[in-house]
N, C-alpha and C. Protein backbone atom coordinates (compact mmCIF):
# COMPACT_ATOMS: atom_id res chain seq x y z
N MET A 1 -3.52 18.36 8.55
CA MET A 1 -2.62 17.79 7.24
C MET A 1 -3.40 16.76 6.64
N LEU A 2 -2.89 16.98 5.07
CA LEU A 2 -3.89 16.31 4.02
C LEU A 2 -3.86 14.88 4.35
N ARG A 3 -4.74 14.27 3.86
CA ARG A 3 -4.39 12.78 4.11
C ARG A 3 -4.29 12.16 3.12
N ILE A 4 -3.65 11.16 2.48
CA ILE A 4 -3.39 10.53 1.49
C ILE A 4 -3.59 9.15 1.78
N ALA A 5 -4.50 8.57 0.28
CA ALA A 5 -4.82 7.41 0.31
C ALA A 5 -3.58 6.56 0.23
N ALA A 6 -3.70 5.12 1.01
CA ALA A 6 -2.80 4.33 0.80
C ALA A 6 -2.70 2.85 0.36
N VAL A 7 -1.75 2.09 -0.09
CA VAL A 7 -2.47 0.67 -0.73
C VAL A 7 -1.30 -0.19 -0.17
N LEU A 8 -1.50 -1.03 1.00
CA LEU A 8 -0.53 -1.73 1.71
C LEU A 8 -0.34 -3.18 1.04
N LEU A 9 0.44 -3.80 0.50
CA LEU A 9 0.58 -4.93 -0.14
C LEU A 9 0.81 -6.24 1.03
N ALA A 10 -0.14 -7.02 1.69
CA ALA A 10 0.34 -7.81 2.48
C ALA A 10 0.01 -9.20 1.99
N THR A 11 0.69 -10.04 0.97
CA THR A 11 0.00 -11.15 0.19
C THR A 11 0.54 -11.91 0.68
N ASP A 12 1.58 -12.06 1.49
CA ASP A 12 2.34 -12.97 2.00
C ASP A 12 2.23 -13.73 3.60
N GLU A 13 2.72 -14.82 3.76
CA GLU A 13 2.82 -15.04 5.13
C GLU A 13 3.24 -14.24 6.23
N ASP A 14 4.42 -13.53 5.36
CA ASP A 14 5.39 -12.26 6.44
C ASP A 14 4.69 -11.31 7.15
N ALA A 15 3.45 -11.36 6.48
CA ALA A 15 2.52 -10.15 7.05
C ALA A 15 2.02 -10.33 8.11
N VAL A 16 1.83 -11.64 8.75
CA VAL A 16 1.33 -11.92 10.20
C VAL A 16 2.73 -12.24 10.70
N ALA A 17 3.63 -12.16 10.56
CA ALA A 17 5.00 -12.32 11.22
C ALA A 17 5.11 -11.50 12.81
N LEU A 18 5.37 -11.50 13.83
CA LEU A 18 5.36 -11.17 14.48
C LEU A 18 6.64 -10.17 14.88
N ILE A 19 6.99 -9.18 15.35
CA ILE A 19 7.65 -8.09 15.16
C ILE A 19 7.94 -7.68 16.73
N ASP A 20 8.54 -7.72 17.59
CA ASP A 20 8.41 -6.95 18.86
C ASP A 20 6.96 -7.35 19.55
N GLY A 21 6.23 -8.55 19.08
CA GLY A 21 4.86 -9.01 19.67
C GLY A 21 3.68 -8.09 19.11
N GLU A 22 4.07 -7.40 17.76
CA GLU A 22 3.08 -6.99 16.90
C GLU A 22 3.45 -7.63 15.83
N ARG A 23 2.11 -7.94 14.88
CA ARG A 23 1.90 -8.31 13.71
C ARG A 23 2.75 -7.20 12.68
N ARG A 24 3.42 -7.66 11.52
CA ARG A 24 3.88 -6.71 10.39
C ARG A 24 2.69 -5.75 9.77
N VAL A 25 1.61 -6.65 9.45
CA VAL A 25 0.47 -5.85 9.00
C VAL A 25 -0.08 -4.50 10.00
N ASP A 26 -0.01 -4.74 11.44
CA ASP A 26 -0.46 -3.83 12.20
C ASP A 26 0.45 -2.65 12.29
N ARG A 27 1.62 -3.15 12.35
CA ARG A 27 2.79 -1.93 12.71
C ARG A 27 2.92 -1.20 10.99
N ASP A 28 2.85 -2.01 10.24
CA ASP A 28 2.61 -1.10 8.68
C ASP A 28 1.57 0.00 8.95
N VAL A 29 0.06 -0.95 9.18
CA VAL A 29 -1.27 0.22 8.80
C VAL A 29 -1.01 1.29 9.93
N ARG A 30 -0.17 1.41 11.25
CA ARG A 30 0.01 2.05 11.97
C ARG A 30 1.01 3.09 11.61
N THR A 31 1.97 2.79 10.96
CA THR A 31 3.05 3.57 10.06
C THR A 31 2.58 4.78 9.19
N LEU A 32 1.56 3.88 8.45
CA LEU A 32 1.21 4.71 7.15
C LEU A 32 0.22 5.78 7.87
N ARG A 33 -0.76 5.19 8.96
CA ARG A 33 -1.51 6.19 9.42
C ARG A 33 -0.94 7.55 10.01
N GLU A 34 0.46 7.09 10.80
CA GLU A 34 0.90 8.37 11.33
C GLU A 34 2.02 8.92 10.47
N GLY A 35 2.26 8.41 9.27
CA GLY A 35 2.67 9.31 7.85
C GLY A 35 1.89 10.45 7.08
N GLY A 36 0.37 9.90 7.46
CA GLY A 36 -0.23 10.96 7.10
C GLY A 36 -1.39 10.33 6.03
N CYS A 37 -1.21 8.90 6.08
CA CYS A 37 -2.15 8.50 5.14
C CYS A 37 -3.31 7.81 5.68
N GLY A 38 -4.52 7.93 4.66
CA GLY A 38 -5.99 7.10 5.01
C GLY A 38 -6.79 7.53 3.99
N PRO A 39 -7.78 7.00 3.56
CA PRO A 39 -7.64 5.60 3.76
C PRO A 39 -6.73 4.32 3.35
N ILE A 40 -6.67 3.33 4.10
CA ILE A 40 -5.45 2.19 3.70
C ILE A 40 -6.35 1.18 3.44
N ALA A 41 -5.73 0.99 1.86
CA ALA A 41 -6.43 -0.57 1.49
C ALA A 41 -5.42 -1.45 1.95
N VAL A 42 -5.69 -2.63 2.51
CA VAL A 42 -4.64 -3.60 2.92
C VAL A 42 -5.06 -5.02 1.96
N VAL A 43 -4.01 -4.99 0.95
CA VAL A 43 -4.60 -6.15 0.06
C VAL A 43 -3.87 -7.63 0.26
N THR A 44 -4.85 -8.69 0.81
CA THR A 44 -4.45 -9.76 1.39
C THR A 44 -4.00 -10.86 0.27
N GLY A 45 -3.31 -12.07 0.52
CA GLY A 45 -3.41 -12.91 -0.22
C GLY A 45 -3.21 -14.41 0.02
N ALA A 46 -2.29 -14.74 0.84
CA ALA A 46 -1.78 -16.15 0.98
C ALA A 46 -2.41 -16.52 2.62
N VAL A 47 -2.72 -15.36 3.48
CA VAL A 47 -3.17 -15.66 4.73
C VAL A 47 -4.49 -14.62 4.78
N PRO A 48 -5.95 -15.36 5.40
CA PRO A 48 -6.81 -14.22 5.86
C PRO A 48 -6.07 -13.36 7.11
N ILE A 49 -6.31 -12.00 6.75
CA ILE A 49 -6.02 -11.27 7.94
C ILE A 49 -7.10 -10.00 8.32
N GLU A 50 -7.24 -9.84 9.61
CA GLU A 50 -8.28 -8.92 9.81
C GLU A 50 -6.99 -7.81 10.40
N VAL A 51 -7.85 -6.30 10.32
CA VAL A 51 -6.80 -5.22 10.74
C VAL A 51 -7.40 -4.28 11.38
N LEU A 52 -7.30 -3.57 12.26
CA LEU A 52 -7.99 -2.27 12.48
C LEU A 52 -7.36 -1.39 11.72
N GLY A 53 -8.42 -0.35 11.39
CA GLY A 53 -7.75 0.57 10.42
C GLY A 53 -7.24 0.38 9.41
N GLY A 54 -7.84 -0.83 8.77
CA GLY A 54 -7.85 -0.43 7.29
C GLY A 54 -8.40 -1.54 6.45
N LEU A 55 -8.83 -1.19 5.04
CA LEU A 55 -10.01 -1.87 4.28
C LEU A 55 -9.24 -2.99 3.87
N ILE A 56 -9.85 -4.06 4.02
CA ILE A 56 -9.41 -5.86 3.86
C ILE A 56 -9.63 -6.03 2.59
N VAL A 57 -8.61 -5.83 1.34
CA VAL A 57 -8.89 -6.32 -0.28
C VAL A 57 -8.34 -7.73 -0.21
N PRO A 58 -9.11 -8.73 -0.11
CA PRO A 58 -8.47 -9.76 -0.89
C PRO A 58 -8.35 -10.09 -2.34
N ASP A 59 -7.13 -10.37 -2.72
CA ASP A 59 -6.96 -10.47 -4.17
C ASP A 59 -6.45 -12.26 -4.58
N PRO A 60 -7.48 -12.72 -4.94
CA PRO A 60 -7.33 -14.35 -5.24
C PRO A 60 -6.26 -14.28 -6.34
N ARG A 61 -6.15 -13.36 -7.09
CA ARG A 61 -4.81 -13.49 -8.13
C ARG A 61 -3.15 -13.10 -7.47
N TRP A 62 -3.14 -12.65 -6.36
CA TRP A 62 -1.62 -12.57 -5.68
C TRP A 62 -0.81 -13.17 -6.31
N ARG A 63 -0.78 -14.61 -6.50
CA ARG A 63 0.58 -15.19 -6.83
C ARG A 63 0.85 -14.71 -8.24
N ASP A 64 -0.36 -13.98 -9.20
CA ASP A 64 0.38 -13.70 -10.75
C ASP A 64 1.52 -12.56 -10.66
N GLY A 65 1.62 -11.86 -9.20
CA GLY A 65 2.46 -10.77 -9.35
C GLY A 65 1.68 -9.55 -8.49
N PRO A 66 2.73 -8.84 -8.26
CA PRO A 66 2.19 -7.60 -7.60
C PRO A 66 1.31 -6.71 -8.49
N GLU A 67 1.35 -6.54 -9.80
CA GLU A 67 0.18 -5.63 -10.47
C GLU A 67 -0.98 -6.26 -10.14
N SER A 68 -1.27 -7.26 -9.98
CA SER A 68 -2.65 -8.11 -9.25
C SER A 68 -3.15 -7.35 -8.17
N SER A 69 -2.26 -7.35 -7.37
CA SER A 69 -2.38 -7.13 -6.02
C SER A 69 -2.57 -5.53 -5.85
N VAL A 70 -1.55 -4.61 -7.01
CA VAL A 70 -2.08 -3.06 -6.57
C VAL A 70 -3.31 -2.85 -7.58
N ARG A 71 -3.52 -3.15 -8.54
CA ARG A 71 -4.71 -3.14 -9.23
C ARG A 71 -5.88 -3.14 -8.13
N ALA A 72 -5.86 -4.46 -7.43
CA ALA A 72 -7.09 -4.65 -6.59
C ALA A 72 -7.20 -3.65 -5.61
N GLY A 73 -5.94 -3.07 -4.82
CA GLY A 73 -5.81 -2.41 -3.87
C GLY A 73 -6.35 -0.87 -4.31
N LEU A 74 -5.92 -0.31 -5.44
CA LEU A 74 -6.37 1.03 -5.98
C LEU A 74 -7.82 1.04 -6.28
N ALA A 75 -8.64 -0.35 -6.62
CA ALA A 75 -9.95 -0.53 -6.93
C ALA A 75 -10.70 -0.44 -6.14
N ALA A 76 -10.17 -0.39 -4.87
CA ALA A 76 -11.02 -0.48 -3.24
C ALA A 76 -11.17 0.63 -3.13
N LEU A 77 -10.24 1.95 -3.25
CA LEU A 77 -10.28 3.37 -2.89
C LEU A 77 -11.17 3.92 -3.34
N PRO A 78 -11.53 5.12 -2.87
CA PRO A 78 -12.73 5.98 -3.36
C PRO A 78 -12.56 6.36 -4.95
N PRO A 79 -13.24 6.63 -5.62
CA PRO A 79 -13.42 6.60 -6.78
C PRO A 79 -12.84 8.08 -7.60
N ARG A 80 -12.63 9.16 -6.76
CA ARG A 80 -11.90 10.18 -7.09
C ARG A 80 -10.74 10.44 -6.56
N THR A 81 -9.97 9.42 -5.83
CA THR A 81 -8.69 9.32 -5.37
C THR A 81 -7.77 10.02 -6.34
N GLY A 82 -6.86 11.13 -6.25
CA GLY A 82 -6.23 11.41 -7.25
C GLY A 82 -4.76 10.85 -7.02
N SER A 83 -4.20 10.34 -5.80
CA SER A 83 -2.92 9.60 -5.51
C SER A 83 -3.12 8.83 -4.77
N ALA A 84 -2.00 7.85 -4.45
CA ALA A 84 -2.15 6.96 -3.64
C ALA A 84 -0.60 6.11 -3.34
N LEU A 85 -0.37 6.17 -2.08
CA LEU A 85 1.27 5.72 -1.65
C LEU A 85 0.79 4.17 -1.42
N LEU A 86 2.16 3.65 -2.23
CA LEU A 86 2.27 2.18 -2.18
C LEU A 86 3.16 1.63 -1.19
N ALA A 87 3.00 0.77 -0.38
CA ALA A 87 3.97 0.39 0.55
C ALA A 87 3.71 -1.53 0.45
N ARG A 88 4.87 -1.87 0.82
CA ARG A 88 4.71 -3.24 0.99
C ARG A 88 5.19 -3.91 2.41
N THR A 89 4.34 -4.76 2.84
CA THR A 89 4.28 -4.94 4.45
C THR A 89 5.50 -5.57 4.67
N GLY A 90 6.50 -5.17 5.81
CA GLY A 90 7.74 -5.50 6.32
C GLY A 90 8.94 -4.72 5.05
N ALA A 91 8.60 -3.76 4.46
CA ALA A 91 9.68 -3.08 3.67
C ALA A 91 10.40 -2.43 4.63
N PRO A 92 12.07 -2.74 4.46
CA PRO A 92 13.05 -1.93 5.02
C PRO A 92 12.48 -0.41 5.03
N GLY A 93 12.87 -0.13 6.19
CA GLY A 93 12.88 1.71 6.21
C GLY A 93 11.39 2.38 6.23
N LEU A 94 10.37 1.36 6.27
CA LEU A 94 8.94 2.02 6.21
C LEU A 94 8.95 2.78 7.97
N THR A 95 8.78 3.68 7.51
CA THR A 95 8.75 4.70 8.88
C THR A 95 7.81 5.82 8.40
N PRO A 96 6.94 6.72 9.48
CA PRO A 96 6.60 7.78 9.48
C PRO A 96 7.05 8.70 8.81
N GLY A 97 8.58 9.07 8.86
CA GLY A 97 9.13 9.88 8.21
C GLY A 97 9.56 9.75 6.65
N ALA A 98 9.51 8.13 6.17
CA ALA A 98 9.89 7.91 4.83
C ALA A 98 8.38 8.05 4.70
N VAL A 99 7.38 7.53 5.01
CA VAL A 99 6.14 7.99 4.45
C VAL A 99 5.86 9.55 4.03
N ARG A 100 6.18 10.30 4.89
CA ARG A 100 6.04 11.97 4.67
C ARG A 100 7.16 11.81 3.60
N GLN A 101 8.04 11.47 3.14
CA GLN A 101 9.17 12.11 2.53
C GLN A 101 8.88 11.56 0.87
N ALA A 102 7.89 10.55 0.76
CA ALA A 102 7.45 9.86 -0.09
C ALA A 102 6.65 10.84 -0.81
N ILE A 103 5.28 11.01 0.47
CA ILE A 103 4.59 12.22 -0.32
C ILE A 103 5.08 13.66 -0.67
N GLU A 104 6.03 13.88 -0.28
CA GLU A 104 6.67 15.18 -0.32
C GLU A 104 7.28 15.34 -1.60
N ALA A 105 7.90 14.12 -2.00
CA ALA A 105 8.80 14.17 -3.22
C ALA A 105 7.64 14.18 -4.12
N GLY A 106 6.21 13.75 -4.23
CA GLY A 106 5.26 13.68 -5.19
C GLY A 106 5.12 12.50 -6.06
N ALA A 107 3.97 12.64 -6.84
CA ALA A 107 3.35 11.61 -7.20
C ALA A 107 4.31 11.24 -8.77
N ARG A 108 4.14 9.99 -9.12
CA ARG A 108 4.68 9.44 -10.26
C ARG A 108 3.16 8.56 -10.85
N PRO A 109 3.55 8.54 -12.52
CA PRO A 109 2.41 7.39 -12.55
C PRO A 109 2.92 6.19 -12.52
N PRO A 110 1.84 5.24 -11.98
CA PRO A 110 2.28 3.94 -12.00
C PRO A 110 3.04 3.07 -12.76
N ALA A 111 2.77 3.44 -14.23
CA ALA A 111 3.29 3.07 -15.41
C ALA A 111 5.05 2.92 -15.35
N ASP A 112 5.21 4.09 -14.34
CA ASP A 112 6.52 4.28 -14.29
C ASP A 112 7.45 3.40 -13.62
N LEU A 113 6.68 2.22 -12.95
CA LEU A 113 7.19 1.86 -11.74
C LEU A 113 7.45 0.00 -12.24
N ASP A 114 8.56 -0.22 -11.34
CA ASP A 114 9.10 -1.71 -11.68
C ASP A 114 8.71 -2.33 -10.35
N LEU A 115 7.45 -2.85 -10.63
CA LEU A 115 6.59 -3.42 -9.47
C LEU A 115 7.09 -4.40 -8.69
N GLU A 116 8.36 -5.30 -9.20
CA GLU A 116 8.91 -6.59 -8.73
C GLU A 116 9.97 -5.75 -8.09
N HIS A 117 10.59 -5.13 -8.33
CA HIS A 117 11.52 -4.42 -7.71
C HIS A 117 11.62 -2.85 -6.61
N THR A 118 10.41 -2.73 -6.70
CA THR A 118 10.02 -1.10 -5.72
C THR A 118 9.57 -1.88 -4.38
N ALA A 119 10.35 -1.42 -3.57
CA ALA A 119 10.08 -1.73 -2.10
C ALA A 119 9.36 -0.43 -1.69
N GLY A 120 9.17 0.38 -2.11
CA GLY A 120 8.47 1.81 -1.34
C GLY A 120 8.88 2.37 -0.45
N PRO A 121 8.26 3.21 0.25
CA PRO A 121 6.90 3.90 -0.10
C PRO A 121 7.12 4.48 -1.24
N VAL A 122 6.16 4.85 -2.14
CA VAL A 122 6.18 5.62 -3.36
C VAL A 122 4.67 6.06 -3.63
N LEU A 123 4.49 7.47 -3.93
CA LEU A 123 3.52 8.02 -4.12
C LEU A 123 2.97 8.01 -5.91
N LEU A 124 2.12 7.37 -6.06
CA LEU A 124 1.42 7.01 -7.25
C LEU A 124 0.29 8.06 -7.42
N ASP A 125 0.37 8.46 -8.82
CA ASP A 125 -0.47 9.39 -9.43
C ASP A 125 -1.60 8.85 -10.23
N LEU A 126 -2.88 9.34 -9.74
CA LEU A 126 -4.03 8.40 -10.39
C LEU A 126 -4.70 9.38 -10.91
N SER A 127 -4.44 10.55 -10.87
CA SER A 127 -5.68 11.80 -11.28
C SER A 127 -5.89 11.41 -13.12
N HIS A 128 -5.23 10.48 -13.84
CA HIS A 128 -5.80 10.26 -15.23
C HIS A 128 -6.00 8.76 -15.50
N ARG A 129 -6.76 8.51 -15.79
CA ARG A 129 -7.18 7.09 -16.28
C ARG A 129 -5.90 6.51 -16.76
N ALA A 130 -5.17 6.94 -17.62
CA ALA A 130 -3.96 5.95 -18.21
C ALA A 130 -2.79 6.11 -17.25
N ASN A 131 -2.92 6.81 -16.11
CA ASN A 131 -1.98 6.59 -15.34
C ASN A 131 -2.09 4.94 -14.32
N ARG A 132 -3.41 4.78 -14.59
CA ARG A 132 -3.41 3.25 -13.43
C ARG A 132 -2.92 2.35 -13.98
N ILE A 133 -2.51 1.21 -13.32
CA ILE A 133 -1.86 0.11 -13.83
C ILE A 133 -2.57 -0.83 -14.72
N PRO A 134 -2.23 -1.05 -15.77
CA PRO A 134 -2.85 -1.75 -16.70
C PRO A 134 -3.68 -3.30 -16.48
């Protein structure tokens, strides 16, 4: 199976909340992997987080809004990454099946997203520099 890069926004305290004895961020990284994603950039903000299976990307400007965190996560991915799945920690309905469905639905330009209201997962087209988050 083709692996798709992912950016997981884990910028608030809820990222480390326990759900059935597992931190949300750990559960979500596992879910993204099971859905076909890798590498996974985990963007942090409010609390320092360590997680297995994800590249930790601190965003000192996380309070400025999700655009800052998405930019930080995308910048941490390999340079020739053509697409990346965007997800938020604790998003309702984040399952391996939902990840696969978002990948199968195809990529769209990041400029088309309303990041304040997108729970994800959504596949972003990064193939053209103009498609990146401004």
